[in-house]
């Protein structure tokens, strides 16, 4: 998978119904932004995963996706918007 494909699939996995924060992100099919990226990335090649992570970090202007995701004031819309910015940044030309 390319970084672009990873981010698109991760956004789908991290839907409004499944997005969670903190410990709730790891149970019952729920996910946070970082776990969504990890789950869909190919384990065979870390380069596309690393690039997807780097671009998402740039989209949120933060040093940690997990910390950013878990901030109390964070909303699902913030996460969806960040995915959109990251997806746009990796769009093939």
Foldseek 3Di string as FASTA:
>chain_A
DALLVLLVQLDVQQDQVQEDADPSCPPDSHHHSLVSSVVSDDPVDCVRSVLNVVLLCVLVVDPDRNVVRRPPPDHVVNVSSSSVSSSVVRDDD
